[in-house]
Every structure is written in structure tokens, then in C-alpha cells.
Amino acid sequence: MEYIPMTIGKQKNIALIAHDQKKQELIQWCDSHKDILMRHFLCGTGTTARMITDYTGLPVKGYNSGPLGGDQQIGAKIVEGKIDLIIFFSDPLTAQPHDPDVKALLRIAQVYDIPIANNKASADFIITSPFMDEEYEHDIINFRQNISERARTL
């Protein structure tokens, strides 16, 4: 399979998402890393984005809430090359009505080689990485070539 190089810019496009039981934890995490986050473009799903802005003053572009398609909107932004990193404080102990959407989001992030933090520890490791202050080169699947080859073989 062929790959093409992609660059994550110095200023990152970061998606902030949290399940209901993890929203306060994400808000506190954002507040404690405010000095780093303010140097990047932030977006998030509905309620989470609004709450982070209200409590921390960080500007967070809001999409729909997760159950109303927000996870899918962020997934689409990944495909468009407009999301570089996901901080998603998920709740592993509570069933989520939109679990298929969450799985689709995580899958598309993996396909496009997007870093994902799903808890405070992994978010701390990512946010303090030297890569947060510099460009990062990574390879993704050459989808045009992949589609062309698949079409020829069908």
C-alpha cells in the first residue's frame, strides 16, 4: 500500500470531547494546560465546547453534541485534514447511546494517523510532547491510489 507524507503544523487543530461523566475532568485538564492550549485552534462537540469556553475562557469552536452528530462532524474534519489531534475523555463504565458514532470517530482517526488521548494520563503525555511546538511529519495511506486500484480489481 502506498503512503503519502502529511504535515501537522506548528499550530495544532485540537478536538476536545468528553462523555458526560468526564466533562468536569476535561474542563479541569484544559484549565491546567491553558497556556499551551491557547496557542492552538480548539474545537469540540456541543456541550463540552461550550463548557470549556465558559469555565476557562479558551475559545472552542462548537459542533453538534455527540449524540446529534458532533462526533461525525469531527470525523469529517479529520478526513478534510482539519483536525490534528483528539483529546477525548471517554467514560469506559457507562454505556453511550451514540457508541457507533464514537467508534467511527476513533476508527477514522486511526486511518488518518491522528494522535488520540482518551484519558488524563495520555493527554498529559501528548500535551507536554516536544511535538506540540513544532511541525510533525507522518505518512497516511494514499487513498486516491488505493481507491483506483480497488476499482480496477472489482
N, C-alpha and C. Protein backbone atom coordinates (compact mmCIF):
# COMPACT_ATOMS: atom_id res chain seq x y z
N MET A 1 0.85 -1.18 0.00
CA MET A 1 0.00 0.00 0.00
C MET A 1 0.89 1.24 0.00
N GLU A 2 0.56 2.19 -0.82
CA GLU A 2 1.34 3.42 -0.93
C GLU A 2 0.90 4.43 0.13
N TYR A 3 1.88 5.21 0.61
CA TYR A 3 1.62 6.23 1.61
C TYR A 3 2.08 7.57 1.07
N ILE A 4 1.47 8.63 1.60
CA ILE A 4 1.90 9.98 1.25
C ILE A 4 2.21 10.74 2.54
N PRO A 5 3.21 11.61 2.49
CA PRO A 5 3.56 12.37 3.70
C PRO A 5 2.54 13.48 3.98
N MET A 6 2.23 13.68 5.23
CA MET A 6 1.36 14.76 5.67
C MET A 6 2.10 15.51 6.77
N THR A 7 1.80 16.79 6.88
CA THR A 7 2.42 17.61 7.91
C THR A 7 1.37 18.13 8.86
N ILE A 8 1.60 17.90 10.14
CA ILE A 8 0.80 18.55 11.19
C ILE A 8 1.56 19.82 11.52
N GLY A 9 0.93 20.95 11.35
CA GLY A 9 1.59 22.24 11.53
C GLY A 9 1.98 22.52 12.98
N LYS A 10 2.73 23.59 13.14
CA LYS A 10 3.15 24.01 14.48
C LYS A 10 1.93 24.36 15.33
N GLN A 11 0.97 25.07 14.73
CA GLN A 11 -0.28 25.34 15.44
C GLN A 11 -1.22 24.18 15.13
N LYS A 12 -1.61 23.46 16.16
CA LYS A 12 -2.43 22.26 16.00
C LYS A 12 -3.92 22.61 16.01
N ASN A 13 -4.68 21.78 15.31
CA ASN A 13 -6.14 21.82 15.35
C ASN A 13 -6.55 20.68 16.28
N ILE A 14 -7.01 21.04 17.47
CA ILE A 14 -7.27 20.05 18.52
C ILE A 14 -8.77 19.93 18.77
N ALA A 15 -9.27 18.69 18.71
CA ALA A 15 -10.66 18.42 19.05
C ALA A 15 -10.74 17.99 20.51
N LEU A 16 -11.64 18.61 21.26
CA LEU A 16 -11.85 18.32 22.67
C LEU A 16 -13.24 17.71 22.84
N ILE A 17 -13.27 16.50 23.37
CA ILE A 17 -14.53 15.75 23.51
C ILE A 17 -14.53 15.08 24.87
N ALA A 18 -15.71 14.99 25.49
CA ALA A 18 -15.82 14.26 26.76
C ALA A 18 -17.23 13.71 26.92
N HIS A 19 -17.30 12.50 27.40
CA HIS A 19 -18.60 11.96 27.79
C HIS A 19 -19.08 12.72 29.03
N ASP A 20 -20.37 12.67 29.30
CA ASP A 20 -20.97 13.47 30.38
C ASP A 20 -20.25 13.32 31.71
N GLN A 21 -19.91 12.10 32.11
CA GLN A 21 -19.28 11.88 33.40
C GLN A 21 -17.82 12.32 33.44
N LYS A 22 -17.27 12.72 32.30
CA LYS A 22 -15.86 13.14 32.21
C LYS A 22 -15.70 14.61 31.84
N LYS A 23 -16.80 15.33 31.67
CA LYS A 23 -16.70 16.73 31.26
C LYS A 23 -15.94 17.59 32.26
N GLN A 24 -16.24 17.46 33.54
CA GLN A 24 -15.55 18.27 34.54
C GLN A 24 -14.05 17.96 34.57
N GLU A 25 -13.71 16.70 34.40
CA GLU A 25 -12.29 16.32 34.36
C GLU A 25 -11.59 16.97 33.17
N LEU A 26 -12.24 16.97 32.01
CA LEU A 26 -11.64 17.60 30.83
C LEU A 26 -11.54 19.11 31.01
N ILE A 27 -12.56 19.72 31.58
CA ILE A 27 -12.52 21.17 31.83
C ILE A 27 -11.34 21.51 32.74
N GLN A 28 -11.16 20.76 33.81
CA GLN A 28 -10.04 21.00 34.72
C GLN A 28 -8.70 20.79 34.02
N TRP A 29 -8.65 19.76 33.17
CA TRP A 29 -7.42 19.49 32.42
C TRP A 29 -7.12 20.66 31.48
N CYS A 30 -8.13 21.15 30.78
CA CYS A 30 -7.94 22.29 29.87
C CYS A 30 -7.47 23.52 30.64
N ASP A 31 -8.06 23.75 31.79
CA ASP A 31 -7.68 24.90 32.60
C ASP A 31 -6.22 24.80 33.05
N SER A 32 -5.79 23.61 33.41
CA SER A 32 -4.41 23.47 33.88
C SER A 32 -3.40 23.51 32.72
N HIS A 33 -3.85 23.33 31.49
CA HIS A 33 -2.96 23.40 30.32
C HIS A 33 -3.33 24.57 29.40
N LYS A 34 -3.99 25.54 29.99
CA LYS A 34 -4.49 26.70 29.24
C LYS A 34 -3.39 27.42 28.47
N ASP A 35 -2.22 27.56 29.08
CA ASP A 35 -1.12 28.29 28.43
C ASP A 35 -0.67 27.60 27.14
N ILE A 36 -0.75 26.29 27.09
CA ILE A 36 -0.40 25.56 25.87
C ILE A 36 -1.56 25.59 24.88
N LEU A 37 -2.76 25.30 25.38
CA LEU A 37 -3.94 25.22 24.51
C LEU A 37 -4.26 26.53 23.81
N MET A 38 -3.98 27.65 24.45
CA MET A 38 -4.32 28.94 23.85
C MET A 38 -3.50 29.23 22.59
N ARG A 39 -2.43 28.48 22.37
CA ARG A 39 -1.60 28.68 21.17
C ARG A 39 -2.11 27.86 19.97
N HIS A 40 -3.20 27.12 20.17
CA HIS A 40 -3.70 26.22 19.14
C HIS A 40 -5.17 26.52 18.84
N PHE A 41 -5.66 25.97 17.73
CA PHE A 41 -7.07 26.11 17.37
C PHE A 41 -7.84 24.97 18.03
N LEU A 42 -8.89 25.31 18.77
CA LEU A 42 -9.65 24.31 19.51
C LEU A 42 -11.06 24.19 18.98
N CYS A 43 -11.55 22.96 18.93
CA CYS A 43 -12.94 22.71 18.59
C CYS A 43 -13.42 21.56 19.46
N GLY A 44 -14.71 21.34 19.46
CA GLY A 44 -15.23 20.25 20.28
C GLY A 44 -16.70 20.01 20.02
N THR A 45 -17.20 18.96 20.62
CA THR A 45 -18.62 18.67 20.50
C THR A 45 -19.40 19.60 21.42
N GLY A 46 -20.64 19.87 21.05
CA GLY A 46 -21.56 20.83 21.64
C GLY A 46 -21.37 21.29 23.06
N THR A 47 -21.89 20.53 23.98
CA THR A 47 -21.88 20.94 25.39
C THR A 47 -20.47 21.06 25.92
N THR A 48 -19.62 20.12 25.54
CA THR A 48 -18.23 20.14 26.01
C THR A 48 -17.54 21.42 25.58
N ALA A 49 -17.67 21.80 24.32
CA ALA A 49 -17.03 23.02 23.82
C ALA A 49 -17.52 24.25 24.59
N ARG A 50 -18.84 24.34 24.77
CA ARG A 50 -19.40 25.50 25.47
C ARG A 50 -18.92 25.54 26.92
N MET A 51 -18.91 24.41 27.59
CA MET A 51 -18.49 24.38 28.99
C MET A 51 -17.01 24.75 29.15
N ILE A 52 -16.15 24.27 28.24
CA ILE A 52 -14.73 24.61 28.32
C ILE A 52 -14.56 26.12 28.16
N THR A 53 -15.24 26.70 27.18
CA THR A 53 -15.15 28.15 26.97
C THR A 53 -15.66 28.90 28.19
N ASP A 54 -16.81 28.49 28.72
CA ASP A 54 -17.41 29.17 29.88
C ASP A 54 -16.50 29.13 31.11
N TYR A 55 -15.87 27.99 31.36
CA TYR A 55 -15.10 27.83 32.60
C TYR A 55 -13.63 28.24 32.48
N THR A 56 -13.08 28.21 31.24
CA THR A 56 -11.65 28.51 31.11
C THR A 56 -11.37 29.78 30.32
N GLY A 57 -12.35 30.24 29.54
CA GLY A 57 -12.14 31.39 28.67
C GLY A 57 -11.45 31.03 27.36
N LEU A 58 -11.09 29.77 27.18
CA LEU A 58 -10.47 29.35 25.92
C LEU A 58 -11.52 29.37 24.80
N PRO A 59 -11.18 29.89 23.64
CA PRO A 59 -12.14 29.85 22.53
C PRO A 59 -12.19 28.44 21.93
N VAL A 60 -13.35 27.82 21.97
CA VAL A 60 -13.53 26.47 21.42
C VAL A 60 -14.70 26.50 20.44
N LYS A 61 -14.43 26.24 19.19
CA LYS A 61 -15.50 26.17 18.18
C LYS A 61 -16.35 24.93 18.46
N GLY A 62 -17.64 25.14 18.61
CA GLY A 62 -18.52 24.04 18.93
C GLY A 62 -19.22 23.45 17.72
N TYR A 63 -19.26 22.14 17.69
CA TYR A 63 -20.06 21.40 16.72
C TYR A 63 -21.29 20.87 17.45
N ASN A 64 -22.06 20.02 16.82
CA ASN A 64 -23.22 19.42 17.49
C ASN A 64 -22.75 18.55 18.65
N SER A 65 -23.67 18.25 19.56
CA SER A 65 -23.33 17.31 20.62
C SER A 65 -23.10 15.95 19.98
N GLY A 66 -22.37 15.09 20.69
CA GLY A 66 -22.04 13.77 20.15
C GLY A 66 -23.25 12.99 19.66
N PRO A 67 -24.29 12.83 20.49
CA PRO A 67 -25.45 12.05 20.04
C PRO A 67 -26.20 12.67 18.86
N LEU A 68 -25.97 13.96 18.61
CA LEU A 68 -26.65 14.63 17.49
C LEU A 68 -25.73 14.84 16.28
N GLY A 69 -24.64 14.08 16.24
CA GLY A 69 -23.77 14.11 15.07
C GLY A 69 -22.45 14.81 15.23
N GLY A 70 -22.15 15.33 16.40
CA GLY A 70 -20.89 16.04 16.60
C GLY A 70 -19.65 15.18 16.38
N ASP A 71 -19.72 13.92 16.82
CA ASP A 71 -18.59 13.01 16.59
C ASP A 71 -18.36 12.82 15.09
N GLN A 72 -19.46 12.72 14.35
CA GLN A 72 -19.36 12.56 12.90
C GLN A 72 -18.82 13.83 12.24
N GLN A 73 -19.21 15.00 12.76
CA GLN A 73 -18.68 16.25 12.21
C GLN A 73 -17.16 16.33 12.40
N ILE A 74 -16.70 15.94 13.57
CA ILE A 74 -15.26 15.96 13.82
C ILE A 74 -14.56 14.92 12.96
N GLY A 75 -15.18 13.76 12.78
CA GLY A 75 -14.62 12.76 11.87
C GLY A 75 -14.47 13.30 10.46
N ALA A 76 -15.47 14.04 10.00
CA ALA A 76 -15.40 14.64 8.66
C ALA A 76 -14.26 15.64 8.58
N LYS A 77 -14.02 16.40 9.65
CA LYS A 77 -12.92 17.37 9.67
C LYS A 77 -11.57 16.64 9.60
N ILE A 78 -11.49 15.45 10.20
CA ILE A 78 -10.26 14.67 10.09
C ILE A 78 -10.01 14.31 8.63
N VAL A 79 -11.05 13.84 7.95
CA VAL A 79 -10.93 13.47 6.53
C VAL A 79 -10.51 14.68 5.70
N GLU A 80 -10.99 15.86 6.05
CA GLU A 80 -10.64 17.09 5.33
C GLU A 80 -9.24 17.60 5.69
N GLY A 81 -8.59 16.97 6.65
CA GLY A 81 -7.26 17.40 7.08
C GLY A 81 -7.29 18.58 8.02
N LYS A 82 -8.42 18.78 8.73
CA LYS A 82 -8.58 19.95 9.58
C LYS A 82 -8.57 19.63 11.08
N ILE A 83 -8.25 18.41 11.44
CA ILE A 83 -8.07 18.03 12.84
C ILE A 83 -6.73 17.30 12.93
N ASP A 84 -5.87 17.73 13.86
CA ASP A 84 -4.54 17.15 14.02
C ASP A 84 -4.40 16.27 15.25
N LEU A 85 -5.29 16.45 16.20
CA LEU A 85 -5.14 15.80 17.50
C LEU A 85 -6.50 15.74 18.18
N ILE A 86 -6.78 14.63 18.84
CA ILE A 86 -8.04 14.50 19.58
C ILE A 86 -7.74 14.23 21.05
N ILE A 87 -8.36 15.03 21.92
CA ILE A 87 -8.36 14.77 23.36
C ILE A 87 -9.80 14.38 23.68
N PHE A 88 -10.02 13.11 23.99
CA PHE A 88 -11.36 12.57 24.18
C PHE A 88 -11.39 11.82 25.51
N PHE A 89 -11.91 12.49 26.53
CA PHE A 89 -12.05 11.84 27.83
C PHE A 89 -13.32 11.00 27.80
N SER A 90 -13.13 9.72 27.53
CA SER A 90 -14.27 8.82 27.41
C SER A 90 -14.54 8.14 28.74
N ASP A 91 -15.78 7.74 28.91
CA ASP A 91 -16.20 7.06 30.14
C ASP A 91 -16.34 5.57 29.84
N PRO A 92 -15.40 4.76 30.30
CA PRO A 92 -15.46 3.33 29.99
C PRO A 92 -16.48 2.55 30.82
N LEU A 93 -17.10 3.19 31.79
CA LEU A 93 -18.00 2.48 32.70
C LEU A 93 -19.48 2.75 32.45
N THR A 94 -19.77 3.63 31.50
CA THR A 94 -21.17 3.98 31.21
C THR A 94 -21.47 3.73 29.74
N ALA A 95 -22.57 3.03 29.47
CA ALA A 95 -22.98 2.80 28.08
C ALA A 95 -23.36 4.13 27.43
N GLN A 96 -22.96 4.30 26.20
CA GLN A 96 -23.24 5.54 25.47
C GLN A 96 -24.22 5.24 24.33
N PRO A 97 -25.29 6.03 24.21
CA PRO A 97 -26.27 5.76 23.16
C PRO A 97 -25.70 5.95 21.75
N HIS A 98 -24.65 6.74 21.62
CA HIS A 98 -24.05 7.00 20.31
C HIS A 98 -22.72 6.29 20.14
N ASP A 99 -22.58 5.14 20.79
CA ASP A 99 -21.33 4.38 20.73
C ASP A 99 -20.87 4.07 19.31
N PRO A 100 -21.77 3.74 18.37
CA PRO A 100 -21.30 3.53 16.99
C PRO A 100 -20.63 4.77 16.39
N ASP A 101 -21.13 5.96 16.74
CA ASP A 101 -20.51 7.20 16.25
C ASP A 101 -19.11 7.38 16.84
N VAL A 102 -18.97 7.07 18.12
CA VAL A 102 -17.67 7.18 18.78
C VAL A 102 -16.68 6.22 18.13
N LYS A 103 -17.12 4.99 17.89
CA LYS A 103 -16.23 4.01 17.25
C LYS A 103 -15.84 4.46 15.85
N ALA A 104 -16.77 5.05 15.11
CA ALA A 104 -16.46 5.56 13.78
C ALA A 104 -15.44 6.69 13.85
N LEU A 105 -15.58 7.57 14.83
CA LEU A 105 -14.62 8.67 15.01
C LEU A 105 -13.23 8.12 15.32
N LEU A 106 -13.16 7.19 16.25
CA LEU A 106 -11.86 6.62 16.62
C LEU A 106 -11.23 5.86 15.45
N ARG A 107 -12.06 5.17 14.68
CA ARG A 107 -11.56 4.45 13.52
C ARG A 107 -10.98 5.41 12.48
N ILE A 108 -11.68 6.48 12.15
CA ILE A 108 -11.21 7.39 11.12
C ILE A 108 -9.95 8.12 11.60
N ALA A 109 -9.85 8.38 12.90
CA ALA A 109 -8.62 8.98 13.45
C ALA A 109 -7.44 8.02 13.27
N GLN A 110 -7.68 6.74 13.47
CA GLN A 110 -6.61 5.76 13.26
C GLN A 110 -6.22 5.68 11.79
N VAL A 111 -7.21 5.67 10.91
CA VAL A 111 -6.94 5.60 9.47
C VAL A 111 -6.05 6.76 9.03
N TYR A 112 -6.30 7.94 9.57
CA TYR A 112 -5.54 9.14 9.20
C TYR A 112 -4.36 9.43 10.12
N ASP A 113 -4.02 8.47 10.98
CA ASP A 113 -2.84 8.57 11.85
C ASP A 113 -2.88 9.82 12.73
N ILE A 114 -4.05 10.07 13.33
CA ILE A 114 -4.25 11.22 14.20
C ILE A 114 -4.02 10.79 15.65
N PRO A 115 -3.17 11.49 16.40
CA PRO A 115 -2.98 11.15 17.80
C PRO A 115 -4.28 11.32 18.60
N ILE A 116 -4.54 10.38 19.49
CA ILE A 116 -5.75 10.40 20.32
C ILE A 116 -5.36 10.16 21.77
N ALA A 117 -5.82 11.03 22.65
CA ALA A 117 -5.68 10.80 24.09
C ALA A 117 -7.08 10.49 24.62
N ASN A 118 -7.23 9.37 25.30
CA ASN A 118 -8.58 9.04 25.79
C ASN A 118 -8.70 9.11 27.30
N ASN A 119 -7.68 9.65 27.95
CA ASN A 119 -7.75 9.87 29.40
C ASN A 119 -6.72 10.92 29.78
N LYS A 120 -6.74 11.32 31.05
CA LYS A 120 -5.86 12.40 31.50
C LYS A 120 -4.38 12.06 31.33
N ALA A 121 -4.00 10.84 31.65
CA ALA A 121 -2.59 10.46 31.55
C ALA A 121 -2.09 10.57 30.11
N SER A 122 -2.84 10.01 29.16
CA SER A 122 -2.38 10.08 27.77
C SER A 122 -2.43 11.53 27.26
N ALA A 123 -3.41 12.31 27.70
CA ALA A 123 -3.48 13.73 27.32
C ALA A 123 -2.28 14.49 27.87
N ASP A 124 -1.88 14.19 29.11
CA ASP A 124 -0.70 14.84 29.70
C ASP A 124 0.56 14.52 28.90
N PHE A 125 0.70 13.27 28.49
CA PHE A 125 1.88 12.88 27.71
C PHE A 125 1.90 13.62 26.38
N ILE A 126 0.76 13.69 25.72
CA ILE A 126 0.72 14.35 24.41
C ILE A 126 0.95 15.85 24.53
N ILE A 127 0.26 16.50 25.45
CA ILE A 127 0.32 17.96 25.53
C ILE A 127 1.71 18.46 25.94
N THR A 128 2.48 17.62 26.62
CA THR A 128 3.84 18.01 27.04
C THR A 128 4.91 17.50 26.08
N SER A 129 4.49 16.87 24.98
CA SER A 129 5.45 16.37 23.99
C SER A 129 6.12 17.54 23.28
N PRO A 130 7.38 17.39 22.94
CA PRO A 130 8.05 18.44 22.15
C PRO A 130 7.37 18.66 20.80
N PHE A 131 6.64 17.68 20.29
CA PHE A 131 5.94 17.82 19.00
C PHE A 131 4.83 18.87 19.06
N MET A 132 4.38 19.23 20.25
CA MET A 132 3.33 20.25 20.36
C MET A 132 3.81 21.62 19.89
N ASP A 133 5.11 21.84 19.88
CA ASP A 133 5.66 23.14 19.50
C ASP A 133 6.36 23.14 18.15
N GLU A 134 6.19 22.07 17.39
CA GLU A 134 6.85 22.02 16.09
C GLU A 134 6.00 21.25 15.09
N GLU A 135 6.40 21.35 13.83
CA GLU A 135 5.71 20.57 12.81
C GLU A 135 6.02 19.09 13.00
N TYR A 136 5.11 18.26 12.53
CA TYR A 136 5.29 16.82 12.65
C TYR A 136 4.92 16.17 11.33
N GLU A 137 5.85 15.41 10.77
CA GLU A 137 5.61 14.70 9.51
C GLU A 137 5.17 13.28 9.82
N HIS A 138 4.11 12.85 9.13
CA HIS A 138 3.68 11.46 9.25
C HIS A 138 3.12 11.01 7.92
N ASP A 139 3.01 9.71 7.74
CA ASP A 139 2.53 9.15 6.48
C ASP A 139 1.13 8.62 6.65
N ILE A 140 0.30 8.90 5.67
CA ILE A 140 -1.05 8.33 5.65
C ILE A 140 -1.24 7.56 4.34
N ILE A 141 -2.21 6.69 4.32
CA ILE A 141 -2.49 5.89 3.14
C ILE A 141 -2.86 6.82 1.98
N ASN A 142 -2.30 6.53 0.82
CA ASN A 142 -2.64 7.28 -0.39
C ASN A 142 -4.01 6.78 -0.86
N PHE A 143 -5.05 7.44 -0.41
CA PHE A 143 -6.40 6.97 -0.65
C PHE A 143 -6.78 7.02 -2.13
N ARG A 144 -6.30 8.01 -2.84
CA ARG A 144 -6.62 8.10 -4.27
C ARG A 144 -6.09 6.86 -5.00
N GLN A 145 -4.86 6.51 -4.71
CA GLN A 145 -4.28 5.34 -5.35
C GLN A 145 -4.99 4.07 -4.89
N ASN A 146 -5.28 3.99 -3.60
CA ASN A 146 -5.96 2.83 -3.04
C ASN A 146 -7.32 2.62 -3.70
N ILE A 147 -8.08 3.69 -3.87
CA ILE A 147 -9.41 3.61 -4.49
C ILE A 147 -9.28 3.21 -5.96
N SER A 148 -8.32 3.79 -6.64
CA SER A 148 -8.11 3.49 -8.05
C SER A 148 -7.77 2.00 -8.24
N GLU A 149 -6.88 1.49 -7.41
CA GLU A 149 -6.52 0.08 -7.50
C GLU A 149 -7.69 -0.84 -7.15
N ARG A 150 -8.46 -0.47 -6.16
CA ARG A 150 -9.61 -1.28 -5.79
C ARG A 150 -10.65 -1.29 -6.91
N ALA A 151 -10.86 -0.16 -7.55
CA ALA A 151 -11.82 -0.08 -8.65
C ALA A 151 -11.39 -0.96 -9.82
N ARG A 152 -10.10 -1.03 -10.08
CA ARG A 152 -9.59 -1.87 -11.18
C ARG A 152 -9.79 -3.34 -10.90
N THR A 153 -9.73 -3.74 -9.65
CA THR A 153 -9.81 -5.16 -9.30
C THR A 153 -11.24 -5.66 -9.10
N LEU A 154 -12.21 -4.77 -9.08
CA LEU A 154 -13.60 -5.19 -8.87
C LEU A 154 -14.27 -5.59 -10.16
